[in-house]
C-alpha atoms as a PDB file:
ATOM      1  CA  UNK A   1      -4.530 -24.150 -18.405  1.00  0.00           C
ATOM      2  CA  UNK A   2      -4.927 -20.360 -18.514  1.00  0.00           C
ATOM      3  CA  UNK A   3      -2.001 -18.403 -19.890  1.00  0.00           C
ATOM      4  CA  UNK A   4      -2.252 -16.351 -16.681  1.00  0.00           C
ATOM      5  CA  UNK A   5      -2.138 -19.383 -14.361  1.00  0.00           C
ATOM      6  CA  UNK A   6       1.455 -18.748 -13.295  1.00  0.00           C
ATOM      7  CA  UNK A   7       0.578 -15.206 -12.302  1.00  0.00           C
ATOM      8  CA  UNK A   8      -2.345 -16.487 -10.253  1.00  0.00           C
ATOM      9  CA  UNK A   9      -0.098 -18.848  -8.328  1.00  0.00           C
ATOM     10  CA  UNK A  10       2.688 -16.318  -7.870  1.00  0.00           C
ATOM     11  CA  UNK A  11       2.287 -13.736  -5.096  1.00  0.00           C
ATOM     12  CA  UNK A  12       4.431 -10.962  -3.655  1.00  0.00           C
ATOM     13  CA  UNK A  13       6.846 -13.486  -2.158  1.00  0.00           C
ATOM     14  CA  UNK A  14       7.307 -15.335  -5.445  1.00  0.00           C
ATOM     15  CA  UNK A  15      10.810 -15.563  -6.847  1.00  0.00           C
ATOM     16  CA  UNK A  16       9.260 -15.844 -10.307  1.00  0.00           C
ATOM     17  CA  UNK A  17       8.389 -12.163 -10.297  1.00  0.00           C
ATOM     18  CA  UNK A  18      10.850 -10.896  -7.723  1.00  0.00           C
ATOM     19  CA  UNK A  19       8.293  -9.629  -5.214  1.00  0.00           C
ATOM     20  CA  UNK A  20       8.622  -9.706  -1.482  1.00  0.00           C
ATOM     21  CA  UNK A  21       6.232  -8.210   1.027  1.00  0.00           C
ATOM     22  CA  UNK A  22       5.088  -9.681   4.317  1.00  0.00           C
ATOM     23  CA  UNK A  23       2.946  -6.661   5.144  1.00  0.00           C
ATOM     24  CA  UNK A  24      -0.750  -6.629   4.276  1.00  0.00           C
ATOM     25  CA  UNK A  25      -1.656  -3.278   2.803  1.00  0.00           C
ATOM     26  CA  UNK A  26      -3.698  -1.093   5.127  1.00  0.00           C
ATOM     27  CA  UNK A  27      -7.235  -0.116   4.179  1.00  0.00           C
ATOM     28  CA  UNK A  28      -8.929   3.250   4.534  1.00  0.00           C
ATOM     29  CA  UNK A  29     -12.485   4.443   4.288  1.00  0.00           C
ATOM     30  CA  UNK A  30     -13.140   6.885   1.458  1.00  0.00           C
ATOM     31  CA  UNK A  31     -14.237  10.229   2.823  1.00  0.00           C
ATOM     32  CA  UNK A  32     -17.248   9.924   5.107  1.00  0.00           C
ATOM     33  CA  UNK A  33     -18.544   6.817   3.313  1.00  0.00           C
ATOM     34  CA  UNK A  34     -18.152   3.225   4.468  1.00  0.00           C
ATOM     35  CA  UNK A  35     -16.240   2.204   1.334  1.00  0.00           C
ATOM     36  CA  UNK A  36     -12.854   0.640   2.140  1.00  0.00           C
ATOM     37  CA  UNK A  37      -9.936   0.795  -0.295  1.00  0.00           C
ATOM     38  CA  UNK A  38      -6.245   0.036  -0.084  1.00  0.00           C
ATOM     39  CA  UNK A  39      -4.223   3.146   0.730  1.00  0.00           C
ATOM     40  CA  UNK A  40      -2.156   2.506  -2.400  1.00  0.00           C
ATOM     41  CA  UNK A  41      -4.107   2.019  -5.623  1.00  0.00           C
ATOM     42  CA  UNK A  42      -2.910   0.342  -8.810  1.00  0.00           C
ATOM     43  CA  UNK A  43      -2.986   2.491 -11.939  1.00  0.00           C
ATOM     44  CA  UNK A  44      -3.469   0.829 -15.329  1.00  0.00           C
ATOM     45  CA  UNK A  45      -2.711   3.695 -17.730  1.00  0.00           C
ATOM     46  CA  UNK A  46       0.392   1.911 -19.061  1.00  0.00           C
ATOM     47  CA  UNK A  47      -1.379  -1.390 -19.728  1.00  0.00           C
ATOM     48  CA  UNK A  48      -1.406  -2.154 -23.429  1.00  0.00           C
ATOM     49  CA  UNK A  49       1.455   0.260 -24.068  1.00  0.00           C
ATOM     50  CA  UNK A  50       4.538  -0.337 -21.899  1.00  0.00           C
ATOM     51  CA  UNK A  51       2.866  -3.201 -20.016  1.00  0.00           C
ATOM     52  CA  UNK A  52       1.610  -6.272 -21.876  1.00  0.00           C
ATOM     53  CA  UNK A  53      -1.043  -8.730 -20.710  1.00  0.00           C
ATOM     54  CA  UNK A  54       1.279 -11.205 -19.014  1.00  0.00           C
ATOM     55  CA  UNK A  55       3.100  -8.462 -17.131  1.00  0.00           C
ATOM     56  CA  UNK A  56      -0.223  -6.927 -16.116  1.00  0.00           C
ATOM     57  CA  UNK A  57      -1.352 -10.337 -14.824  1.00  0.00           C
ATOM     58  CA  UNK A  58       1.761 -10.627 -12.673  1.00  0.00           C
ATOM     59  CA  UNK A  59       1.266  -7.110 -11.338  1.00  0.00           C
ATOM     60  CA  UNK A  60      -2.399  -7.534 -10.478  1.00  0.00           C
ATOM     61  CA  UNK A  61      -1.786 -10.870  -8.759  1.00  0.00           C
ATOM     62  CA  UNK A  62       1.047  -9.429  -6.666  1.00  0.00           C
ATOM     63  CA  UNK A  63      -0.947  -6.304  -5.841  1.00  0.00           C
ATOM     64  CA  UNK A  64      -3.949  -8.271  -4.574  1.00  0.00           C
ATOM     65  CA  UNK A  65      -1.775 -10.762  -2.674  1.00  0.00           C
ATOM     66  CA  UNK A  66      -0.173  -7.799  -0.906  1.00  0.00           C
ATOM     67  CA  UNK A  67      -3.594  -6.585   0.222  1.00  0.00           C
ATOM     68  CA  UNK A  68      -4.234  -4.092  -2.566  1.00  0.00           C
ATOM     69  CA  UNK A  69      -7.826  -3.573  -3.692  1.00  0.00           C
ATOM     70  CA  UNK A  70      -8.236  -0.258  -5.526  1.00  0.00           C
ATOM     71  CA  UNK A  71      -7.664  -0.488  -9.293  1.00  0.00           C
ATOM     72  CA  UNK A  72      -7.909   2.649 -11.427  1.00  0.00           C
ATOM     73  CA  UNK A  73      -9.343   2.227 -14.928  1.00  0.00           C
ATOM     74  CA  UNK A  74     -10.567   4.376 -17.796  1.00  0.00           C
ATOM     75  CA  UNK A  75     -11.790   3.769 -21.356  1.00  0.00           C
ATOM     76  CA  UNK A  76      -9.293   6.455 -22.330  1.00  0.00           C
ATOM     77  CA  UNK A  77      -6.244   4.465 -21.213  1.00  0.00           C
ATOM     78  CA  UNK A  78      -4.359   3.203 -24.279  1.00  0.00           C
ATOM     79  CA  UNK A  79      -7.490   3.614 -26.423  1.00  0.00           C
ATOM     80  CA  UNK A  80      -9.351   0.988 -24.434  1.00  0.00           C
ATOM     81  CA  UNK A  81      -6.586  -1.639 -24.429  1.00  0.00           C
ATOM     82  CA  UNK A  82      -6.047  -1.304 -20.667  1.00  0.00           C
ATOM     83  CA  UNK A  83      -9.657  -2.229 -19.923  1.00  0.00           C
ATOM     84  CA  UNK A  84      -9.521  -5.187 -22.299  1.00  0.00           C
ATOM     85  CA  UNK A  85      -6.489  -6.524 -20.428  1.00  0.00           C
ATOM     86  CA  UNK A  86      -8.162  -5.955 -17.051  1.00  0.00           C
ATOM     87  CA  UNK A  87     -11.241  -7.817 -18.269  1.00  0.00           C
ATOM     88  CA  UNK A  88      -9.087 -10.844 -19.157  1.00  0.00           C
ATOM     89  CA  UNK A  89      -7.629 -10.907 -15.648  1.00  0.00           C
ATOM     90  CA  UNK A  90     -10.847 -10.561 -13.641  1.00  0.00           C
ATOM     91  CA  UNK A  91     -11.954 -14.012 -12.602  1.00  0.00           C
ATOM     92  CA  UNK A  92      -8.945 -15.646 -14.254  1.00  0.00           C
ATOM     93  CA  UNK A  93      -6.118 -14.156 -12.185  1.00  0.00           C
ATOM     94  CA  UNK A  94      -8.062 -12.536  -9.326  1.00  0.00           C
ATOM     95  CA  UNK A  95     -11.741 -12.760  -8.310  1.00  0.00           C
ATOM     96  CA  UNK A  96     -13.957  -9.793  -9.107  1.00  0.00           C
ATOM     97  CA  UNK A  97     -14.923  -9.280  -5.476  1.00  0.00           C
ATOM     98  CA  UNK A  98     -11.254  -8.835  -4.509  1.00  0.00           C
ATOM     99  CA  UNK A  99     -11.139  -5.556  -6.444  1.00  0.00           C
ATOM    100  CA  UNK A 100     -12.522  -2.074  -5.970  1.00  0.00           C
ATOM    101  CA  UNK A 101     -12.668  -0.909  -9.576  1.00  0.00           C
ATOM    102  CA  UNK A 102     -12.794   2.818 -10.223  1.00  0.00           C
ATOM    103  CA  UNK A 103     -13.546   4.079 -13.739  1.00  0.00           C
ATOM    104  CA  UNK A 104     -14.937   7.200 -15.376  1.00  0.00           C
ATOM    105  CA  UNK A 105     -17.105   8.522 -18.188  1.00  0.00           C
ATOM    106  CA  UNK A 106     -17.488  11.877 -19.889  1.00  0.00           C
ATOM    107  CA  UNK A 107     -14.519  12.113 -22.247  1.00  0.00           C
ATOM    108  CA  UNK A 108     -14.449  10.438 -25.655  1.00  0.00           C
ATOM    109  CA  UNK A 109     -10.974  10.787 -27.227  1.00  0.00           C
ATOM    110  CA  UNK A 110     -12.237   9.244 -30.483  1.00  0.00           C
ATOM    111  CA  UNK A 111     -14.194  12.420 -31.287  1.00  0.00           C
ATOM    112  CA  UNK A 112     -12.939  15.763 -32.536  1.00  0.00           C
ATOM    113  CA  UNK A 113     -11.173  17.721 -29.784  1.00  0.00           C
ATOM    114  CA  UNK A 114     -14.005  20.268 -29.493  1.00  0.00           C
ATOM    115  CA  UNK A 115     -16.525  17.445 -28.967  1.00  0.00           C
ATOM    116  CA  UNK A 116     -14.564  15.116 -26.670  1.00  0.00           C
ATOM    117  CA  UNK A 117     -16.133  16.366 -23.416  1.00  0.00           C
ATOM    118  CA  UNK A 118     -19.767  15.307 -23.087  1.00  0.00           C
ATOM    119  CA  UNK A 119     -21.234  14.718 -19.630  1.00  0.00           C
ATOM    120  CA  UNK A 120     -24.868  14.692 -20.689  1.00  0.00           C
ATOM    121  CA  UNK A 121     -27.023  11.910 -19.274  1.00  0.00           C
ATOM    122  CA  UNK A 122     -27.044  10.211 -22.681  1.00  0.00           C
ATOM    123  CA  UNK A 123     -23.266  10.271 -23.117  1.00  0.00           C
ATOM    124  CA  UNK A 124     -22.417   9.331 -19.533  1.00  0.00           C
ATOM    125  CA  UNK A 125     -24.695   6.299 -19.453  1.00  0.00           C
ATOM    126  CA  UNK A 126     -23.670   5.195 -22.937  1.00  0.00           C
ATOM    127  CA  UNK A 127     -20.010   5.197 -21.906  1.00  0.00           C
ATOM    128  CA  UNK A 128     -20.776   3.579 -18.543  1.00  0.00           C
ATOM    129  CA  UNK A 129     -22.583   0.683 -20.224  1.00  0.00           C
ATOM    130  CA  UNK A 130     -19.723   0.325 -22.718  1.00  0.00           C
ATOM    131  CA  UNK A 131     -17.256   0.151 -19.823  1.00  0.00           C
ATOM    132  CA  UNK A 132     -19.308  -2.529 -18.068  1.00  0.00           C
ATOM    133  CA  UNK A 133     -19.352  -4.578 -21.282  1.00  0.00           C
ATOM    134  CA  UNK A 134     -15.619  -4.066 -21.804  1.00  0.00           C
ATOM    135  CA  UNK A 135     -14.831  -5.220 -18.260  1.00  0.00           C
ATOM    136  CA  UNK A 136     -17.445  -7.990 -18.388  1.00  0.00           C
ATOM    137  CA  UNK A 137     -18.897  -6.934 -15.046  1.00  0.00           C
ATOM    138  CA  UNK A 138     -22.338  -5.797 -13.972  1.00  0.00           C
ATOM    139  CA  UNK A 139     -21.165  -2.887 -11.840  1.00  0.00           C
ATOM    140  CA  UNK A 140     -18.352  -0.502 -11.019  1.00  0.00           C
ATOM    141  CA  UNK A 141     -17.387   0.019  -7.401  1.00  0.00           C
ATOM    142  CA  UNK A 142     -16.731   3.717  -8.072  1.00  0.00           C
ATOM    143  CA  UNK A 143     -18.052   5.488 -11.156  1.00  0.00           C
ATOM    144  CA  UNK A 144     -16.661   8.966 -11.758  1.00  0.00           C
ATOM    145  CA  UNK A 145     -17.688  11.786 -14.005  1.00  0.00           C
ATOM    146  CA  UNK A 146     -14.426  12.417 -15.852  1.00  0.00           C
ATOM    147  CA  UNK A 147     -14.397  16.196 -16.083  1.00  0.00           C
ATOM    148  CA  UNK A 148     -16.469  19.358 -15.670  1.00  0.00           C
ATOM    149  CA  UNK A 149     -18.732  19.985 -18.637  1.00  0.00           C
ATOM    150  CA  UNK A 150     -19.945  23.595 -18.854  1.00  0.00           C
ATOM    151  CA  UNK A 151     -22.501  22.577 -21.510  1.00  0.00           C
ATOM    152  CA  UNK A 152     -24.333  20.164 -19.179  1.00  0.00           C
ATOM    153  CA  UNK A 153     -26.320  21.366 -16.127  1.00  0.00           C
ATOM    154  CA  UNK A 154     -24.746  20.045 -12.944  1.00  0.00           C
ATOM    155  CA  UNK A 155     -28.188  18.884 -11.765  1.00  0.00           C
ATOM    156  CA  UNK A 156     -28.312  16.576 -14.796  1.00  0.00           C
ATOM    157  CA  UNK A 157     -24.880  15.183 -13.958  1.00  0.00           C
ATOM    158  CA  UNK A 158     -25.878  14.571 -10.335  1.00  0.00           C
ATOM    159  CA  UNK A 159     -29.137  12.882 -11.375  1.00  0.00           C
ATOM    160  CA  UNK A 160     -27.231  10.630 -13.769  1.00  0.00           C
ATOM    161  CA  UNK A 161     -24.783   9.595 -11.059  1.00  0.00           C
ATOM    162  CA  UNK A 162     -27.692   8.785  -8.779  1.00  0.00           C
ATOM    163  CA  UNK A 163     -29.405   6.736 -11.489  1.00  0.00           C
ATOM    164  CA  UNK A 164     -26.221   4.689 -11.926  1.00  0.00           C
ATOM    165  CA  UNK A 165     -26.346   3.802  -8.226  1.00  0.00           C
ATOM    166  CA  UNK A 166     -30.087   3.097  -8.007  1.00  0.00           C
ATOM    167  CA  UNK A 167     -29.951   0.964 -11.171  1.00  0.00           C
ATOM    168  CA  UNK A 168     -27.102  -1.124  -9.743  1.00  0.00           C
ATOM    169  CA  UNK A 169     -24.521  -0.067 -12.306  1.00  0.00           C
ATOM    170  CA  UNK A 170     -22.361   1.616  -9.651  1.00  0.00           C
ATOM    171  CA  UNK A 171     -21.907   1.198  -5.918  1.00  0.00           C
ATOM    172  CA  UNK A 172     -20.434   4.680  -5.293  1.00  0.00           C
ATOM    173  CA  UNK A 173     -19.802   7.774  -7.409  1.00  0.00           C
ATOM    174  CA  UNK A 174     -17.160  10.456  -7.624  1.00  0.00           C
ATOM    175  CA  UNK A 175     -15.456  12.988  -9.876  1.00  0.00           C
ATOM    176  CA  UNK A 176     -12.152  13.459 -11.659  1.00  0.00           C
ATOM    177  CA  UNK A 177     -10.626  16.555 -13.157  1.00  0.00           C
ATOM    178  CA  UNK A 178     -12.758  18.939 -11.080  1.00  0.00           C
ATOM    179  CA  UNK A 179     -11.691  22.161  -9.442  1.00  0.00           C
ATOM    180  CA  UNK A 180     -12.569  22.693  -5.810  1.00  0.00           C
ATOM    181  CA  UNK A 181     -15.638  24.858  -6.478  1.00  0.00           C
ATOM    182  CA  UNK A 182     -16.872  22.375  -9.058  1.00  0.00           C
ATOM    183  CA  UNK A 183     -16.553  19.494  -6.606  1.00  0.00           C
ATOM    184  CA  UNK A 184     -18.381  21.522  -3.955  1.00  0.00           C
ATOM    185  CA  UNK A 185     -21.144  22.363  -6.444  1.00  0.00           C
ATOM    186  CA  UNK A 186     -21.657  18.691  -7.331  1.00  0.00           C
ATOM    187  CA  UNK A 187     -21.694  17.731  -3.660  1.00  0.00           C
ATOM    188  CA  UNK A 188     -24.228  20.463  -2.911  1.00  0.00           C
ATOM    189  CA  UNK A 189     -26.771  19.454  -5.550  1.00  0.00           C
ATOM    190  CA  UNK A 190     -26.289  15.761  -4.662  1.00  0.00           C
ATOM    191  CA  UNK A 191     -26.998  16.226  -0.952  1.00  0.00           C
ATOM    192  CA  UNK A 192     -29.328  13.545   0.341  1.00  0.00           C
ATOM    193  CA  UNK A 193     -29.007  11.447  -2.805  1.00  0.00           C
ATOM    194  CA  UNK A 194     -26.008   9.663  -4.375  1.00  0.00           C
ATOM    195  CA  UNK A 195     -23.375  12.011  -3.016  1.00  0.00           C
ATOM    196  CA  UNK A 196     -19.830  11.825  -4.422  1.00  0.00           C
ATOM    197  CA  UNK A 197     -17.477   9.966  -2.083  1.00  0.00           C
ATOM    198  CA  UNK A 198     -14.229  10.287  -4.066  1.00  0.00           C
ATOM    199  CA  UNK A 199     -12.442  13.018  -5.966  1.00  0.00           C
ATOM    200  CA  UNK A 200      -9.362  12.272  -8.049  1.00  0.00           C
ATOM    201  CA  UNK A 201      -6.730  14.947  -8.625  1.00  0.00           C
ATOM    202  CA  UNK A 202      -3.016  15.169  -9.306  1.00  0.00           C
ATOM    203  CA  UNK A 203      -1.150  15.500  -6.022  1.00  0.00           C
ATOM    204  CA  UNK A 204       2.516  14.986  -5.169  1.00  0.00           C
ATOM    205  CA  UNK A 205       5.512  16.681  -3.608  1.00  0.00           C
ATOM    206  CA  UNK A 206       5.915  18.504  -6.929  1.00  0.00           C
ATOM    207  CA  UNK A 207       2.233  19.283  -7.508  1.00  0.00           C
ATOM    208  CA  UNK A 208       0.478  20.597  -4.429  1.00  0.00           C
ATOM    209  CA  UNK A 209      -2.159  22.737  -6.077  1.00  0.00           C
ATOM    210  CA  UNK A 210      -4.894  20.488  -4.707  1.00  0.00           C
ATOM    211  CA  UNK A 211      -4.178  21.851  -1.227  1.00  0.00           C
ATOM    212  CA  UNK A 212      -5.347  25.349  -2.173  1.00  0.00           C
ATOM    213  CA  UNK A 213      -8.965  24.637  -3.033  1.00  0.00           C
ATOM    214  CA  UNK A 214      -9.674  21.016  -3.938  1.00  0.00           C
ATOM    215  CA  UNK A 215      -8.705  19.363  -0.672  1.00  0.00           C
ATOM    216  CA  UNK A 216     -10.533  21.859   1.573  1.00  0.00           C
ATOM    217  CA  UNK A 217     -13.677  21.423  -0.526  1.00  0.00           C
ATOM    218  CA  UNK A 218     -13.348  17.635  -0.482  1.00  0.00           C
ATOM    219  CA  UNK A 219     -12.836  17.466   3.270  1.00  0.00           C
ATOM    220  CA  UNK A 220     -15.728  19.851   3.946  1.00  0.00           C
ATOM    221  CA  UNK A 221     -18.098  17.622   1.970  1.00  0.00           C
ATOM    222  CA  UNK A 222     -16.746  14.302   3.257  1.00  0.00           C
ATOM    223  CA  UNK A 223     -15.078  13.357  -0.024  1.00  0.00           C
ATOM    224  CA  UNK A 224     -11.864  11.315  -0.042  1.00  0.00           C
ATOM    225  CA  UNK A 225      -9.005  12.273  -2.346  1.00  0.00           C
ATOM    226  CA  UNK A 226      -7.456   9.753  -4.711  1.00  0.00           C
ATOM    227  CA  UNK A 227      -4.005  11.212  -5.375  1.00  0.00           C
ATOM    228  CA  UNK A 228      -3.069  10.771  -9.037  1.00  0.00           C
ATOM    229  CA  UNK A 229       0.531  10.937 -10.313  1.00  0.00           C
ATOM    230  CA  UNK A 230       1.973  10.785  -6.756  1.00  0.00           C
ATOM    231  CA  UNK A 231       5.488  10.230  -8.130  1.00  0.00           C
ATOM    232  CA  UNK A 232       5.226  13.092 -10.656  1.00  0.00           C
ATOM    233  CA  UNK A 233       5.807  10.909 -13.680  1.00  0.00           C
ATOM    234  CA  UNK A 234       8.734   9.151 -12.019  1.00  0.00           C
ATOM    235  CA  UNK A 235      10.716  12.302 -11.293  1.00  0.00           C
ATOM    236  CA  UNK A 236      10.426  11.781  -7.534  1.00  0.00           C
ATOM    237  CA  UNK A 237      12.130   8.388  -7.851  1.00  0.00           C
ATOM    238  CA  UNK A 238      15.349  10.247  -8.666  1.00  0.00           C
ATOM    239  CA  UNK A 239      15.731   8.671 -12.102  1.00  0.00           C
ATOM    240  CA  UNK A 240      16.223  12.062 -13.812  1.00  0.00           C
ATOM    241  CA  UNK A 241      18.970  13.379 -11.496  1.00  0.00           C
ATOM    242  CA  UNK A 242      21.749  12.645 -13.972  1.00  0.00           C
ATOM    243  CA  UNK A 243      19.884  13.155 -17.213  1.00  0.00           C
ATOM    244  CA  UNK A 244      17.035  11.550 -19.098  1.00  0.00           C
ATOM    245  CA  UNK A 245      17.149   7.724 -19.135  1.00  0.00           C
ATOM    246  CA  UNK A 246      16.657   6.285 -22.604  1.00  0.00           C
ATOM    247  CA  UNK A 247      13.777   4.072 -21.444  1.00  0.00           C
ATOM    248  CA  UNK A 248      11.895   6.824 -19.558  1.00  0.00           C
ATOM    249  CA  UNK A 249       8.901   8.968 -20.435  1.00  0.00           C
ATOM    250  CA  UNK A 250      11.227  11.910 -20.830  1.00  0.00           C
ATOM    251  CA  UNK A 251      12.912  10.161 -23.759  1.00  0.00           C
ATOM    252  CA  UNK A 252       9.584   9.504 -25.491  1.00  0.00           C
ATOM    253  CA  UNK A 253       8.742  12.365 -27.887  1.00  0.00           C
ATOM    254  CA  UNK A 254       5.025  11.655 -27.492  1.00  0.00           C
ATOM    255  CA  UNK A 255       5.132  11.833 -23.682  1.00  0.00           C
ATOM    256  CA  UNK A 256       7.914  14.273 -22.867  1.00  0.00           C
ATOM    257  CA  UNK A 257       5.385  17.011 -22.031  1.00  0.00           C
ATOM    258  CA  UNK A 258       4.104  14.864 -19.146  1.00  0.00           C
ATOM    259  CA  UNK A 259       7.289  15.500 -17.190  1.00  0.00           C
ATOM    260  CA  UNK A 260       8.723  18.605 -18.817  1.00  0.00           C
ATOM    261  CA  UNK A 261       6.858  20.988 -16.526  1.00  0.00           C
ATOM    262  CA  UNK A 262       8.467  19.359 -13.477  1.00  0.00           C
ATOM    263  CA  UNK A 263      12.097  19.663 -14.564  1.00  0.00           C
ATOM    264  CA  UNK A 264      12.999  22.975 -12.927  1.00  0.00           C
ATOM    265  CA  UNK A 265      15.111  24.224 -10.021  1.00  0.00           C
ATOM    266  CA  UNK A 266      12.355  23.619  -7.473  1.00  0.00           C
ATOM    267  CA  UNK A 267      12.037  20.011  -8.623  1.00  0.00           C
ATOM    268  CA  UNK A 268      15.781  19.570  -8.257  1.00  0.00           C
ATOM    269  CA  UNK A 269      15.651  20.783  -4.639  1.00  0.00           C
ATOM    270  CA  UNK A 270      12.719  18.543  -3.803  1.00  0.00           C
ATOM    271  CA  UNK A 271      14.225  15.460  -5.424  1.00  0.00           C
ATOM    272  CA  UNK A 272      17.523  15.970  -3.613  1.00  0.00           C
ATOM    273  CA  UNK A 273      15.644  16.249  -0.323  1.00  0.00           C
ATOM    274  CA  UNK A 274      13.765  13.023  -1.083  1.00  0.00           C
ATOM    275  CA  UNK A 275      17.004  11.227  -1.966  1.00  0.00           C
ATOM    276  CA  UNK A 276      18.662  12.464   1.218  1.00  0.00           C
ATOM    277  CA  UNK A 277      15.730  11.245   3.305  1.00  0.00           C
ATOM    278  CA  UNK A 278      15.810   7.879   1.538  1.00  0.00           C
ATOM    279  CA  UNK A 279      19.519   7.475   2.216  1.00  0.00           C
ATOM    280  CA  UNK A 280      19.005   8.242   5.897  1.00  0.00           C
ATOM    281  CA  UNK A 281      16.160   5.749   6.169  1.00  0.00           C
ATOM    282  CA  UNK A 282      17.928   3.070   4.105  1.00  0.00           C
ATOM    283  CA  UNK A 283      15.056   2.945   1.634  1.00  0.00           C
ATOM    284  CA  UNK A 284      14.261   4.195  -1.864  1.00  0.00           C
ATOM    285  CA  UNK A 285      13.279   7.711  -2.991  1.00  0.00           C
ATOM    286  CA  UNK A 286      10.133   6.118  -4.451  1.00  0.00           C
ATOM    287  CA  UNK A 287       9.129   4.821  -1.025  1.00  0.00           C
ATOM    288  CA  UNK A 288       9.736   8.194   0.638  1.00  0.00           C
ATOM    289  CA  UNK A 289       7.769  10.197  -1.942  1.00  0.00           C
ATOM    290  CA  UNK A 290       4.902   7.709  -1.969  1.00  0.00           C
ATOM    291  CA  UNK A 291       4.693   7.436   1.819  1.00  0.00           C
ATOM    292  CA  UNK A 292       4.622  11.238   2.132  1.00  0.00           C
ATOM    293  CA  UNK A 293       1.661  11.696  -0.202  1.00  0.00           C
ATOM    294  CA  UNK A 294      -0.124   8.562   1.007  1.00  0.00           C
ATOM    295  CA  UNK A 295      -0.336   9.933   4.534  1.00  0.00           C
ATOM    296  CA  UNK A 296      -1.350  13.512   3.754  1.00  0.00           C
ATOM    297  CA  UNK A 297      -4.602  14.659   5.399  1.00  0.00           C
ATOM    298  CA  UNK A 298      -7.624  13.853   3.266  1.00  0.00           C
ATOM    299  CA  UNK A 299      -5.905  11.309   1.032  1.00  0.00           C
ATOM    300  CA  UNK A 300      -7.840   8.043   0.827  1.00  0.00           C
ATOM    301  CA  UNK A 301      -5.436   6.382  -1.593  1.00  0.00           C
ATOM    302  CA  UNK A 302      -2.437   7.207  -3.773  1.00  0.00           C
ATOM    303  CA  UNK A 303      -2.824   5.723  -7.250  1.00  0.00           C
ATOM    304  CA  UNK A 304       0.431   4.741  -8.885  1.00  0.00           C
ATOM    305  CA  UNK A 305       1.126   2.710 -11.992  1.00  0.00           C
ATOM    306  CA  UNK A 306       4.036   0.384 -12.651  1.00  0.00           C
ATOM    307  CA  UNK A 307       5.534  -0.225 -16.055  1.00  0.00           C
ATOM    308  CA  UNK A 308       7.120  -3.493 -15.001  1.00  0.00           C
ATOM    309  CA  UNK A 309       7.503  -5.899 -12.107  1.00  0.00           C
ATOM    310  CA  UNK A 310      10.586  -4.180 -10.713  1.00  0.00           C
ATOM    311  CA  UNK A 311       8.699  -0.904 -10.324  1.00  0.00           C
ATOM    312  CA  UNK A 312       5.772  -2.627  -8.641  1.00  0.00           C
ATOM    313  CA  UNK A 313       8.163  -4.275  -6.187  1.00  0.00           C
ATOM    314  CA  UNK A 314       9.258  -0.833  -5.007  1.00  0.00           C
ATOM    315  CA  UNK A 315       5.668   0.343  -4.748  1.00  0.00           C
ATOM    316  CA  UNK A 316       4.630  -2.628  -2.634  1.00  0.00           C
ATOM    317  CA  UNK A 317       7.637  -2.274  -0.363  1.00  0.00           C
ATOM    318  CA  UNK A 318       6.721   1.380   0.186  1.00  0.00           C
ATOM    319  CA  UNK A 319       3.699   0.134   2.134  1.00  0.00           C
ATOM    320  CA  UNK A 320       6.034  -0.855   4.954  1.00  0.00           C
ATOM    321  CA  UNK A 321       7.466   2.667   5.342  1.00  0.00           C
ATOM    322  CA  UNK A 322       6.054   5.099   7.869  1.00  0.00           C
ATOM    323  CA  UNK A 323       7.896   8.416   7.616  1.00  0.00           C
ATOM    324  CA  UNK A 324       9.204   9.954  10.843  1.00  0.00           C
ATOM    325  CA  UNK A 325       7.318  13.138  11.606  1.00  0.00           C
ATOM    326  CA  UNK A 326      10.425  15.311  11.315  1.00  0.00           C
ATOM    327  CA  UNK A 327      11.232  14.016   7.819  1.00  0.00           C
ATOM    328  CA  UNK A 328       7.647  14.451   6.672  1.00  0.00           C
ATOM    329  CA  UNK A 329       7.691  18.043   7.934  1.00  0.00           C
ATOM    330  CA  UNK A 330      11.017  18.750   6.239  1.00  0.00           C
ATOM    331  CA  UNK A 331       9.677  17.493   2.911  1.00  0.00           C
ATOM    332  CA  UNK A 332       6.576  19.601   3.454  1.00  0.00           C
ATOM    333  CA  UNK A 333       8.769  22.681   3.864  1.00  0.00           C
ATOM    334  CA  UNK A 334      11.089  22.096   0.917  1.00  0.00           C
ATOM    335  CA  UNK A 335       8.233  21.257  -1.458  1.00  0.00           C
ATOM    336  CA  UNK A 336       6.004  24.147  -0.468  1.00  0.00           C
ATOM    337  CA  UNK A 337       5.171  26.292  -3.523  1.00  0.00           C
ATOM    338  CA  UNK A 338       5.800  29.363  -1.358  1.00  0.00           C
ATOM    339  CA  UNK A 339       8.600  28.464   1.059  1.00  0.00           C
ATOM    340  CA  UNK A 340       9.527  30.878   3.813  1.00  0.00           C
ATOM    341  CA  UNK A 341      12.105  33.367   2.623  1.00  0.00           C
ATOM    342  CA  UNK A 342      11.288  32.791  -1.056  1.00  0.00           C
END
């Protein structure tokens, strides 16, 4: 029997993993395409680091049983360990066709820092084929160019994305790490061919820079936003209100910079507003923060990772929360980078 068999049998209502969710996660189309994804996506960046294979199996099984489909992957996550774990689970814990797998190419962390970004046709296709081998699948549902590469003509990037689709390696294409003008440029040169349907960018109550340029560009070109880091590294869950927990990212010397930029007076105001809203709605700050970003205009899905089963439980339960309009507006006001009267 597979070592992941228990995870396959256990779903969101299983006492074995502590999940409970009667709601089936809602699906959304991505931009102007016909691609459907769950409005909450499962991030895998912690797999192979904080999250081992058995825990990942339990998470993926619960996520799919709750109606989740979108799974975010990258060869950069934990030096490839995350994709190796995902490969073990596909077909064993969940069927391949139950997942919408999104991955990227264009950054090679194994190289010297000055040479890590390479979005040439050669490098993109080499990394795409390596990802397909690593995941033991013949295609990605969404293949993204990982970043803007000033050394590679954008026409070459667009032609490579189209080749991935016409050759069957990818069903849809997109971009990560782009600015708004860069996304618009890619969309413009791709018009009539394999146009990008998804753009991934950091977006949360504490990071709203995407609203200035990225989101308008995405919406103009029919591109759906995948909101990365929607909980701002866990800060929006309220865990840092009374200091830095010993088991948090903030206590990890190698990862403290991931949250350090958020720990300021504005973050304190926003977190307190989220906690107040959660208390009034008898739910968690996590659910409030995630529901707010999930339902922002232009967002196709909010991608959030879980270190353990307890965190995933809160994420799945957030699916049931629909924020009252007044609370959503209040959070919009308090989190605005330029609030009235500031």
